[in-house]
C-alpha atoms as a PDB file:
ATOM      1  CA  MET A   1     -64.654 -60.324 -96.419  1.00  0.00           C
ATOM      2  CA  ALA A   2     -64.190 -56.670 -95.401  1.00  0.00           C
ATOM      3  CA  ILE A   3     -66.944 -54.787 -93.634  1.00  0.00           C
ATOM      4  CA  SER A   4     -69.225 -52.663 -95.794  1.00  0.00           C
ATOM      5  CA  GLU A   5     -68.638 -48.990 -96.483  1.00  0.00           C
ATOM      6  CA  ASN A   6     -71.802 -48.051 -94.594  1.00  0.00           C
ATOM      7  CA  ASP A   7     -70.652 -49.988 -91.541  1.00  0.00           C
ATOM      8  CA  ARG A   8     -67.261 -48.317 -91.731  1.00  0.00           C
ATOM      9  CA  GLN A   9     -69.014 -44.943 -91.796  1.00  0.00           C
ATOM     10  CA  VAL A  10     -70.968 -45.934 -88.681  1.00  0.00           C
ATOM     11  CA  LEU A  11     -67.711 -46.679 -86.862  1.00  0.00           C
ATOM     12  CA  ASN A  12     -66.317 -43.323 -87.971  1.00  0.00           C
ATOM     13  CA  ALA A  13     -69.487 -41.578 -86.802  1.00  0.00           C
ATOM     14  CA  LEU A  14     -69.131 -43.271 -83.415  1.00  0.00           C
ATOM     15  CA  ALA A  15     -65.557 -42.040 -83.130  1.00  0.00           C
ATOM     16  CA  ALA A  16     -66.718 -38.508 -83.952  1.00  0.00           C
ATOM     17  CA  ALA A  17     -69.553 -38.775 -81.436  1.00  0.00           C
ATOM     18  CA  ARG A  18     -67.078 -39.678 -78.719  1.00  0.00           C
ATOM     19  CA  GLU A  19     -65.215 -36.434 -79.308  1.00  0.00           C
ATOM     20  CA  GLN A  20     -68.410 -34.406 -79.135  1.00  0.00           C
ATOM     21  CA  HIS A  21     -70.119 -36.220 -76.249  1.00  0.00           C
ATOM     22  CA  ASN A  22     -67.531 -36.900 -73.603  1.00  0.00           C
ATOM     23  CA  GLU A  23     -70.271 -37.751 -71.107  1.00  0.00           C
ATOM     24  CA  LEU A  24     -71.110 -40.796 -73.255  1.00  0.00           C
ATOM     25  CA  ALA A  25     -67.515 -41.967 -73.663  1.00  0.00           C
ATOM     26  CA  ASP A  26     -67.994 -45.299 -71.865  1.00  0.00           C
ATOM     27  CA  LEU A  27     -71.144 -46.095 -73.817  1.00  0.00           C
ATOM     28  CA  VAL A  28     -69.625 -45.135 -77.167  1.00  0.00           C
ATOM     29  CA  ASP A  29     -66.408 -47.055 -76.477  1.00  0.00           C
ATOM     30  CA  PHE A  30     -68.417 -50.166 -75.662  1.00  0.00           C
ATOM     31  CA  TYR A  31     -70.481 -49.947 -78.820  1.00  0.00           C
ATOM     32  CA  HIS A  32     -67.503 -49.140 -81.014  1.00  0.00           C
ATOM     33  CA  ASP A  33     -65.878 -52.402 -79.910  1.00  0.00           C
ATOM     34  CA  LEU A  34     -69.150 -54.321 -80.171  1.00  0.00           C
ATOM     35  CA  TYR A  35     -70.036 -52.961 -83.617  1.00  0.00           C
ATOM     36  CA  GLN A  36     -66.546 -53.785 -84.872  1.00  0.00           C
ATOM     37  CA  VAL A  37     -67.084 -57.428 -83.920  1.00  0.00           C
ATOM     38  CA  GLN A  38     -70.654 -57.500 -85.251  1.00  0.00           C
ATOM     39  CA  PHE A  39     -69.787 -55.817 -88.562  1.00  0.00           C
ATOM     40  CA  GLU A  40     -66.884 -58.193 -89.176  1.00  0.00           C
ATOM     41  CA  ALA A  41     -69.174 -61.135 -88.492  1.00  0.00           C
ATOM     42  CA  LYS A  42     -71.943 -59.738 -90.695  1.00  0.00           C
ATOM     43  CA  ALA A  43     -69.554 -59.490 -93.636  1.00  0.00           C
ATOM     44  CA  ASN A  44     -69.165 -63.262 -93.511  1.00  0.00           C
ATOM     45  CA  VAL A  45     -72.805 -64.223 -92.964  1.00  0.00           C
ATOM     46  CA  PRO A  46     -74.452 -65.674 -96.103  1.00  0.00           C
ATOM     47  CA  GLU A  47     -77.435 -63.772 -97.449  1.00  0.00           C
ATOM     48  CA  PRO A  48     -80.841 -65.476 -97.412  1.00  0.00           C
ATOM     49  CA  GLN A  49     -82.011 -66.414-100.870  1.00  0.00           C
ATOM     50  CA  VAL A  50     -84.758 -64.326-102.456  1.00  0.00           C
ATOM     51  CA  THR A  51     -86.739 -66.806-104.523  1.00  0.00           C
ATOM     52  CA  ASP A  52     -90.481 -66.256-104.179  1.00  0.00           C
ATOM     53  CA  LYS A  53     -91.354 -62.563-104.379  1.00  0.00           C
ATOM     54  CA  LEU A  54     -95.067 -63.336-104.586  1.00  0.00           C
ATOM     55  CA  ALA A  55     -94.875 -65.097-101.220  1.00  0.00           C
ATOM     56  CA  MET A  56     -92.981 -62.119 -99.803  1.00  0.00           C
ATOM     57  CA  ARG A  57     -95.738 -59.816-101.003  1.00  0.00           C
ATOM     58  CA  ARG A  58     -98.412 -62.016 -99.428  1.00  0.00           C
ATOM     59  CA  GLN A  59     -96.571 -61.924 -96.117  1.00  0.00           C
ATOM     60  CA  LEU A  60     -96.518 -58.130 -96.226  1.00  0.00           C
ATOM     61  CA  GLU A  61    -100.223 -57.978 -97.028  1.00  0.00           C
ATOM     62  CA  SER A  62    -101.052 -60.337 -94.159  1.00  0.00           C
ATOM     63  CA  GLY A  63     -98.868 -58.502 -91.637  1.00  0.00           C
ATOM     64  CA  SER A  64     -96.384 -61.373 -91.308  1.00  0.00           C
ATOM     65  CA  PRO A  65     -92.624 -60.660 -91.010  1.00  0.00           C
ATOM     66  CA  GLN A  66     -90.388 -62.228 -93.629  1.00  0.00           C
ATOM     67  CA  LEU A  67     -87.885 -64.121 -91.503  1.00  0.00           C
ATOM     68  CA  THR A  68     -87.962 -67.406 -89.677  1.00  0.00           C
ATOM     69  CA  PHE A  69     -85.023 -68.485 -87.549  1.00  0.00           C
ATOM     70  CA  GLU A  70     -84.183 -71.291 -89.966  1.00  0.00           C
ATOM     71  CA  ARG A  71     -83.874 -68.793 -92.796  1.00  0.00           C
ATOM     72  CA  LEU A  72     -81.067 -66.995 -90.959  1.00  0.00           C
ATOM     73  CA  GLY A  73     -78.759 -69.950 -91.569  1.00  0.00           C
ATOM     74  CA  VAL A  74     -77.024 -69.787 -88.180  1.00  0.00           C
ATOM     75  CA  GLU A  75     -74.111 -72.251 -88.271  1.00  0.00           C
ATOM     76  CA  PRO A  76     -73.232 -73.650 -84.821  1.00  0.00           C
ATOM     77  CA  GLY A  77     -69.426 -73.491 -85.042  1.00  0.00           C
ATOM     78  CA  PRO A  78     -69.028 -69.924 -86.332  1.00  0.00           C
ATOM     79  CA  PHE A  79     -71.868 -68.751 -84.091  1.00  0.00           C
ATOM     80  CA  ALA A  80     -70.222 -70.173 -80.971  1.00  0.00           C
ATOM     81  CA  ARG A  81     -66.960 -68.426 -81.857  1.00  0.00           C
ATOM     82  CA  LEU A  82     -68.831 -65.163 -82.373  1.00  0.00           C
ATOM     83  CA  VAL A  83     -70.551 -65.524 -78.993  1.00  0.00           C
ATOM     84  CA  ASP A  84     -67.126 -65.918 -77.366  1.00  0.00           C
ATOM     85  CA  ARG A  85     -65.905 -62.723 -79.076  1.00  0.00           C
ATOM     86  CA  VAL A  86     -68.951 -60.814 -77.881  1.00  0.00           C
ATOM     87  CA  VAL A  87     -68.485 -62.162 -74.353  1.00  0.00           C
ATOM     88  CA  ASP A  88     -64.909 -60.858 -74.433  1.00  0.00           C
ATOM     89  CA  VAL A  89     -66.198 -57.375 -75.337  1.00  0.00           C
ATOM     90  CA  LEU A  90     -68.786 -57.495 -72.554  1.00  0.00           C
ATOM     91  CA  LEU A  91     -66.236 -58.547 -69.957  1.00  0.00           C
ATOM     92  CA  ARG A  92     -63.684 -55.976 -71.116  1.00  0.00           C
ATOM     93  CA  HIS A  93     -66.187 -53.190 -70.528  1.00  0.00           C
ATOM     94  CA  ASN A  94     -67.763 -54.749 -67.436  1.00  0.00           C
ATOM     95  CA  PRO A  95     -64.796 -56.169 -65.468  1.00  0.00           C
ATOM     96  CA  GLY A  96     -66.973 -57.116 -62.495  1.00  0.00           C
ATOM     97  CA  TRP A  97     -69.057 -59.537 -64.529  1.00  0.00           C
ATOM     98  CA  GLU A  98     -68.618 -63.294 -64.573  1.00  0.00           C
ATOM     99  CA  VAL A  99     -69.744 -65.768 -67.197  1.00  0.00           C
ATOM    100  CA  ALA A 100     -71.017 -69.169 -66.212  1.00  0.00           C
ATOM    101  CA  GLU A 101     -69.566 -71.927 -68.381  1.00  0.00           C
ATOM    102  CA  LYS A 102     -68.065 -69.860 -71.168  1.00  0.00           C
ATOM    103  CA  GLY A 103     -67.582 -72.070 -74.176  1.00  0.00           C
ATOM    104  CA  ARG A 104     -70.886 -73.925 -73.979  1.00  0.00           C
ATOM    105  CA  ALA A 105     -71.696 -76.403 -76.703  1.00  0.00           C
ATOM    106  CA  ALA A 106     -72.484 -74.722 -80.018  1.00  0.00           C
ATOM    107  CA  PRO A 107     -75.899 -76.423 -80.485  1.00  0.00           C
ATOM    108  CA  GLU A 108     -76.983 -75.135 -77.065  1.00  0.00           C
ATOM    109  CA  LEU A 109     -76.023 -71.588 -78.046  1.00  0.00           C
ATOM    110  CA  VAL A 110     -77.957 -71.876 -81.317  1.00  0.00           C
ATOM    111  CA  ALA A 111     -81.002 -73.119 -79.402  1.00  0.00           C
ATOM    112  CA  LEU A 112     -80.726 -70.120 -77.082  1.00  0.00           C
ATOM    113  CA  ALA A 113     -80.441 -67.832 -80.134  1.00  0.00           C
ATOM    114  CA  GLN A 114     -83.605 -69.343 -81.591  1.00  0.00           C
ATOM    115  CA  ALA A 115     -85.476 -68.786 -78.333  1.00  0.00           C
ATOM    116  CA  THR A 116     -84.277 -65.174 -78.318  1.00  0.00           C
ATOM    117  CA  PHE A 117     -85.381 -64.651 -81.907  1.00  0.00           C
ATOM    118  CA  GLU A 118     -88.822 -66.129 -81.381  1.00  0.00           C
ATOM    119  CA  THR A 119     -89.654 -63.916 -78.399  1.00  0.00           C
ATOM    120  CA  GLY A 120     -89.510 -60.887 -80.689  1.00  0.00           C
ATOM    121  CA  ASP A 121     -87.740 -58.961 -77.918  1.00  0.00           C
ATOM    122  CA  THR A 122     -85.138 -56.269 -78.379  1.00  0.00           C
ATOM    123  CA  LEU A 123     -81.686 -57.852 -78.455  1.00  0.00           C
ATOM    124  CA  ALA A 124     -80.022 -55.012 -76.547  1.00  0.00           C
ATOM    125  CA  THR A 125     -80.028 -51.223 -76.553  1.00  0.00           C
ATOM    126  CA  GLY A 126     -77.870 -48.920 -74.511  1.00  0.00           C
ATOM    127  CA  LYS A 127     -74.994 -50.089 -72.324  1.00  0.00           C
ATOM    128  CA  PRO A 128     -76.103 -53.178 -70.382  1.00  0.00           C
ATOM    129  CA  ASP A 129     -76.954 -52.692 -66.747  1.00  0.00           C
ATOM    130  CA  ASP A 130     -74.808 -54.466 -64.201  1.00  0.00           C
ATOM    131  CA  HIS A 131     -76.567 -57.766 -63.633  1.00  0.00           C
ATOM    132  CA  SER A 132     -75.248 -60.214 -61.062  1.00  0.00           C
ATOM    133  CA  GLU A 133     -76.879 -63.342 -62.492  1.00  0.00           C
ATOM    134  CA  PRO A 134     -74.081 -65.624 -63.774  1.00  0.00           C
ATOM    135  CA  ASP A 135     -75.970 -66.504 -66.972  1.00  0.00           C
ATOM    136  CA  TYR A 136     -76.833 -62.905 -67.857  1.00  0.00           C
ATOM    137  CA  PRO A 137     -73.686 -61.963 -69.824  1.00  0.00           C
ATOM    138  CA  LEU A 138     -73.866 -65.171 -71.868  1.00  0.00           C
ATOM    139  CA  THR A 139     -77.567 -64.727 -72.616  1.00  0.00           C
ATOM    140  CA  LEU A 140     -76.930 -61.137 -73.634  1.00  0.00           C
ATOM    141  CA  ALA A 141     -73.958 -62.188 -75.781  1.00  0.00           C
ATOM    142  CA  VAL A 142     -76.097 -64.696 -77.664  1.00  0.00           C
ATOM    143  CA  GLY A 143     -78.610 -61.981 -78.543  1.00  0.00           C
ATOM    144  CA  LEU A 144     -75.852 -59.613 -79.631  1.00  0.00           C
ATOM    145  CA  ALA A 145     -74.225 -62.363 -81.711  1.00  0.00           C
ATOM    146  CA  LEU A 146     -77.556 -62.956 -83.455  1.00  0.00           C
ATOM    147  CA  ALA A 147     -77.743 -59.315 -84.583  1.00  0.00           C
ATOM    148  CA  PRO A 148     -75.304 -59.669 -87.541  1.00  0.00           C
ATOM    149  CA  HIS A 149     -77.445 -62.465 -88.974  1.00  0.00           C
ATOM    150  CA  LEU A 150     -80.598 -60.365 -88.684  1.00  0.00           C
ATOM    151  CA  GLN A 151     -78.936 -57.275 -90.129  1.00  0.00           C
ATOM    152  CA  ARG A 152     -77.470 -59.187 -93.053  1.00  0.00           C
ATOM    153  CA  ALA A 153     -80.883 -60.669 -93.817  1.00  0.00           C
ATOM    154  CA  ALA A 154     -82.524 -57.249 -93.626  1.00  0.00           C
ATOM    155  CA  GLU A 155     -80.009 -55.728 -96.024  1.00  0.00           C
ATOM    156  CA  ALA A 156     -80.686 -58.542 -98.494  1.00  0.00           C
ATOM    157  CA  LEU A 157     -84.473 -58.571 -98.246  1.00  0.00           C
ATOM    158  CA  LEU A 158     -85.464 -54.915 -97.909  1.00  0.00           C
ATOM    159  CA  PRO A 159     -84.690 -53.963-101.554  1.00  0.00           C
ATOM    160  CA  HIS A 160     -87.211 -56.610-102.664  1.00  0.00           C
ATOM    161  CA  LEU A 161     -90.064 -55.533-100.381  1.00  0.00           C
ATOM    162  CA  ASP A 162     -92.871 -53.183-101.342  1.00  0.00           C
ATOM    163  CA  LEU A 163     -93.111 -51.470 -97.969  1.00  0.00           C
ATOM    164  CA  SER A 164     -96.147 -49.465 -99.082  1.00  0.00           C
ATOM    165  CA  LEU A 165     -98.035 -52.681 -98.231  1.00  0.00           C
ATOM    166  CA  TRP A 166     -96.812 -52.642 -94.633  1.00  0.00           C
ATOM    167  CA  ALA A 167     -98.729 -50.668 -91.991  1.00  0.00           C
ATOM    168  CA  GLN A 168     -97.622 -52.463 -88.837  1.00  0.00           C
ATOM    169  CA  GLY A 169     -95.757 -51.096 -85.842  1.00  0.00           C
ATOM    170  CA  TYR A 170     -93.352 -54.049 -85.833  1.00  0.00           C
ATOM    171  CA  CYS A 171     -90.589 -54.831 -88.297  1.00  0.00           C
ATOM    172  CA  PRO A 172     -91.555 -56.218 -91.723  1.00  0.00           C
ATOM    173  CA  VAL A 173     -88.331 -58.245 -91.844  1.00  0.00           C
ATOM    174  CA  CYS A 174     -87.814 -59.814 -88.404  1.00  0.00           C
ATOM    175  CA  GLY A 175     -90.870 -58.803 -86.370  1.00  0.00           C
ATOM    176  CA  GLY A 176     -88.842 -56.747 -83.886  1.00  0.00           C
ATOM    177  CA  ARG A 177     -90.205 -53.655 -82.177  1.00  0.00           C
ATOM    178  CA  PRO A 178     -88.889 -50.159 -82.947  1.00  0.00           C
ATOM    179  CA  ASP A 179     -86.643 -48.346 -80.495  1.00  0.00           C
ATOM    180  CA  LEU A 180     -86.269 -45.125 -82.484  1.00  0.00           C
ATOM    181  CA  ALA A 181     -88.346 -43.052 -84.892  1.00  0.00           C
ATOM    182  CA  LEU A 182     -87.234 -40.529 -87.493  1.00  0.00           C
ATOM    183  CA  PHE A 183     -89.113 -37.547 -88.899  1.00  0.00           C
ATOM    184  CA  GLU A 184     -87.856 -37.317 -92.481  1.00  0.00           C
ATOM    185  CA  GLN A 185     -86.479 -34.069 -93.836  1.00  0.00           C
ATOM    186  CA  THR A 186     -88.994 -33.399 -96.614  1.00  0.00           C
ATOM    187  CA  LYS A 187     -92.518 -33.785 -95.242  1.00  0.00           C
ATOM    188  CA  GLY A 188     -91.753 -34.868 -91.696  1.00  0.00           C
ATOM    189  CA  ALA A 189     -93.204 -38.349 -92.261  1.00  0.00           C
ATOM    190  CA  ARG A 190     -92.411 -40.821 -89.501  1.00  0.00           C
ATOM    191  CA  ARG A 191     -90.137 -43.809 -90.051  1.00  0.00           C
ATOM    192  CA  LEU A 192     -89.389 -46.515 -87.494  1.00  0.00           C
ATOM    193  CA  LEU A 193     -86.057 -48.212 -86.783  1.00  0.00           C
ATOM    194  CA  CYS A 194     -86.122 -51.894 -85.790  1.00  0.00           C
ATOM    195  CA  SER A 195     -84.328 -52.578 -82.523  1.00  0.00           C
ATOM    196  CA  ARG A 196     -83.122 -55.972 -83.793  1.00  0.00           C
ATOM    197  CA  CYS A 197     -82.196 -55.863 -87.485  1.00  0.00           C
ATOM    198  CA  ASN A 198     -82.031 -52.068 -88.069  1.00  0.00           C
ATOM    199  CA  SER A 199     -84.653 -52.112 -90.819  1.00  0.00           C
ATOM    200  CA  VAL A 200     -86.419 -48.788 -91.370  1.00  0.00           C
ATOM    201  CA  TRP A 201     -90.020 -48.512 -92.553  1.00  0.00           C
ATOM    202  CA  ASP A 202     -92.737 -45.866 -92.844  1.00  0.00           C
ATOM    203  CA  TYR A 203     -95.430 -45.606 -90.209  1.00  0.00           C
ATOM    204  CA  GLN A 204     -98.330 -43.209 -89.714  1.00  0.00           C
ATOM    205  CA  ARG A 205     -97.358 -39.927 -88.085  1.00  0.00           C
ATOM    206  CA  THR A 206     -99.768 -40.211 -85.153  1.00  0.00           C
ATOM    207  CA  GLY A 207    -100.629 -43.024 -82.782  1.00  0.00           C
ATOM    208  CA  CYS A 208     -98.605 -45.532 -80.787  1.00  0.00           C
ATOM    209  CA  PRO A 209     -96.810 -48.205 -82.859  1.00  0.00           C
ATOM    210  CA  PHE A 210     -96.766 -50.567 -79.876  1.00  0.00           C
ATOM    211  CA  CYS A 211    -100.456 -50.739 -78.949  1.00  0.00           C
ATOM    212  CA  ARG A 212    -101.866 -48.823 -81.954  1.00  0.00           C
ATOM    213  CA  SER A 213    -103.789 -46.510 -79.687  1.00  0.00           C
ATOM    214  CA  GLU A 214    -104.883 -43.306 -81.380  1.00  0.00           C
ATOM    215  CA  GLU A 215    -105.070 -41.510 -78.046  1.00  0.00           C
ATOM    216  CA  LYS A 216    -102.913 -38.399 -78.133  1.00  0.00           C
ATOM    217  CA  GLN A 217     -99.399 -39.082 -76.912  1.00  0.00           C
ATOM    218  CA  THR A 218     -97.376 -36.754 -74.744  1.00  0.00           C
ATOM    219  CA  TYR A 219     -93.918 -35.804 -75.942  1.00  0.00           C
ATOM    220  CA  TYR A 220     -90.956 -34.020 -74.417  1.00  0.00           C
ATOM    221  CA  LEU A 221     -88.768 -31.896 -76.663  1.00  0.00           C
ATOM    222  CA  SER A 222     -85.011 -31.401 -76.337  1.00  0.00           C
ATOM    223  CA  LYS A 223     -83.738 -27.820 -76.072  1.00  0.00           C
ATOM    224  CA  ASP A 224     -82.366 -27.845 -79.615  1.00  0.00           C
ATOM    225  CA  GLY A 225     -85.576 -29.311 -81.060  1.00  0.00           C
ATOM    226  CA  VAL A 226     -83.767 -32.311 -82.542  1.00  0.00           C
ATOM    227  CA  TYR A 227     -85.030 -35.026 -80.196  1.00  0.00           C
ATOM    228  CA  ARG A 228     -88.455 -35.930 -78.856  1.00  0.00           C
ATOM    229  CA  LEU A 229     -89.493 -38.493 -76.289  1.00  0.00           C
ATOM    230  CA  TYR A 230     -93.020 -39.783 -76.901  1.00  0.00           C
ATOM    231  CA  VAL A 231     -94.857 -41.631 -74.132  1.00  0.00           C
ATOM    232  CA  CYS A 232     -98.094 -43.561 -74.548  1.00  0.00           C
ATOM    233  CA  PRO A 233    -100.703 -43.291 -71.779  1.00  0.00           C
ATOM    234  CA  THR A 234    -102.397 -46.490 -72.965  1.00  0.00           C
ATOM    235  CA  CYS A 235     -99.574 -49.063 -72.969  1.00  0.00           C
ATOM    236  CA  ASN A 236     -97.057 -47.113 -70.888  1.00  0.00           C
ATOM    237  CA  ARG A 237     -94.300 -47.421 -73.466  1.00  0.00           C
ATOM    238  CA  TYR A 238     -92.025 -44.772 -74.938  1.00  0.00           C
ATOM    239  CA  LEU A 239     -90.388 -44.062 -78.269  1.00  0.00           C
ATOM    240  CA  LYS A 240     -87.425 -41.787 -78.919  1.00  0.00           C
ATOM    241  CA  THR A 241     -87.672 -39.681 -82.062  1.00  0.00           C
ATOM    242  CA  VAL A 242     -85.114 -37.743 -84.120  1.00  0.00           C
ATOM    243  CA  ASP A 243     -86.379 -34.818 -86.206  1.00  0.00           C
ATOM    244  CA  LEU A 244     -84.142 -34.841 -89.277  1.00  0.00           C
ATOM    245  CA  ARG A 245     -85.524 -31.453 -90.311  1.00  0.00           C
ATOM    246  CA  GLU A 246     -83.545 -29.965 -87.418  1.00  0.00           C
ATOM    247  CA  ILE A 247     -80.201 -31.602 -88.271  1.00  0.00           C
ATOM    248  CA  GLN A 248     -77.629 -30.310 -90.724  1.00  0.00           C
ATOM    249  CA  ARG A 249     -75.196 -33.244 -90.505  1.00  0.00           C
ATOM    250  CA  PRO A 250     -75.088 -36.844 -91.751  1.00  0.00           C
ATOM    251  CA  VAL A 251     -77.305 -39.031 -89.572  1.00  0.00           C
ATOM    252  CA  PHE A 252     -76.816 -42.712 -88.798  1.00  0.00           C
ATOM    253  CA  PRO A 253     -79.852 -44.018 -86.914  1.00  0.00           C
ATOM    254  CA  VAL A 254     -77.853 -46.699 -85.075  1.00  0.00           C
ATOM    255  CA  VAL A 255     -75.627 -43.941 -83.688  1.00  0.00           C
ATOM    256  CA  GLU A 256     -78.573 -41.707 -82.763  1.00  0.00           C
ATOM    257  CA  ARG A 257     -79.933 -44.696 -80.830  1.00  0.00           C
ATOM    258  CA  LEU A 258     -76.897 -44.381 -78.546  1.00  0.00           C
ATOM    259  CA  LEU A 259     -76.735 -40.584 -78.366  1.00  0.00           C
ATOM    260  CA  THR A 260     -80.275 -40.604 -76.951  1.00  0.00           C
ATOM    261  CA  ALA A 261     -79.431 -43.034 -74.128  1.00  0.00           C
ATOM    262  CA  GLY A 262     -80.301 -40.310 -71.609  1.00  0.00           C
ATOM    263  CA  MET A 263     -83.886 -40.407 -72.871  1.00  0.00           C
ATOM    264  CA  ASP A 264     -84.042 -44.138 -72.177  1.00  0.00           C
ATOM    265  CA  LEU A 265     -82.906 -43.543 -68.623  1.00  0.00           C
ATOM    266  CA  ALA A 266     -85.365 -40.696 -68.064  1.00  0.00           C
ATOM    267  CA  ALA A 267     -88.303 -42.670 -69.467  1.00  0.00           C
ATOM    268  CA  ARG A 268     -87.551 -45.766 -67.419  1.00  0.00           C
ATOM    269  CA  GLN A 269     -87.169 -43.742 -64.254  1.00  0.00           C
ATOM    270  CA  GLN A 270     -90.732 -42.539 -64.871  1.00  0.00           C
ATOM    271  CA  GLY A 271     -91.962 -46.119 -65.219  1.00  0.00           C
ATOM    272  CA  TYR A 272     -92.171 -46.352 -69.019  1.00  0.00           C
ATOM    273  CA  SER A 273     -90.783 -49.317 -70.966  1.00  0.00           C
ATOM    274  CA  GLY A 274     -89.180 -49.305 -74.374  1.00  0.00           C
END
């Protein structure tokens, strides 16, 4: 099955971003190759069945994400092949890396994927740092190979969810944490982007979505007014934000996530975590 039109537009937007942001060429090249592999895989992942909408509503009302790992339908054989493709991308862009025991048994890789899913952690954002641990590239590849399954599930489930019932700072679909916020163009309401499945949902304009502190957050504004970096004095975490009211071009949040990589670096150098 061919990749979706939206995913094709994301790849085109990445290519355009490379022309406009030469300083991010390595990062954009890496993600263009990675997204190509992920989008092709996603096109062949079966959608989760939507059968009990009342149960879905109850989960929203109780603050419980929709997905369990079993519902993702990860098949060992295809998943192992996808992990190998992702490893190839990682090694191509990080030639100094080594992978311990590439080609591990498929059930072991699925078990590692389940452990990754259940932590609720971000799968990966930004270009990976150079880690010397032999297992690191494989562990990272498993998380990146899981992303197409999460994204496919999100695309299938979101149209059936009444997100007005959801007031949490974590994703209503997979439980992941946001790594980007958007101020919408009309009223400037804040929307959050899941770092794992790319779901987007509304969240209150003020307060920290990580610790829910209402203490006033500090933010740093880019020169053009498009980007803001919010930092929370309570939990010491940060959140990048794109003000869509200041942009006159098509915006793809997954691309903006990469174009703001400098904010990630600056925040982490100051001791904040994403």
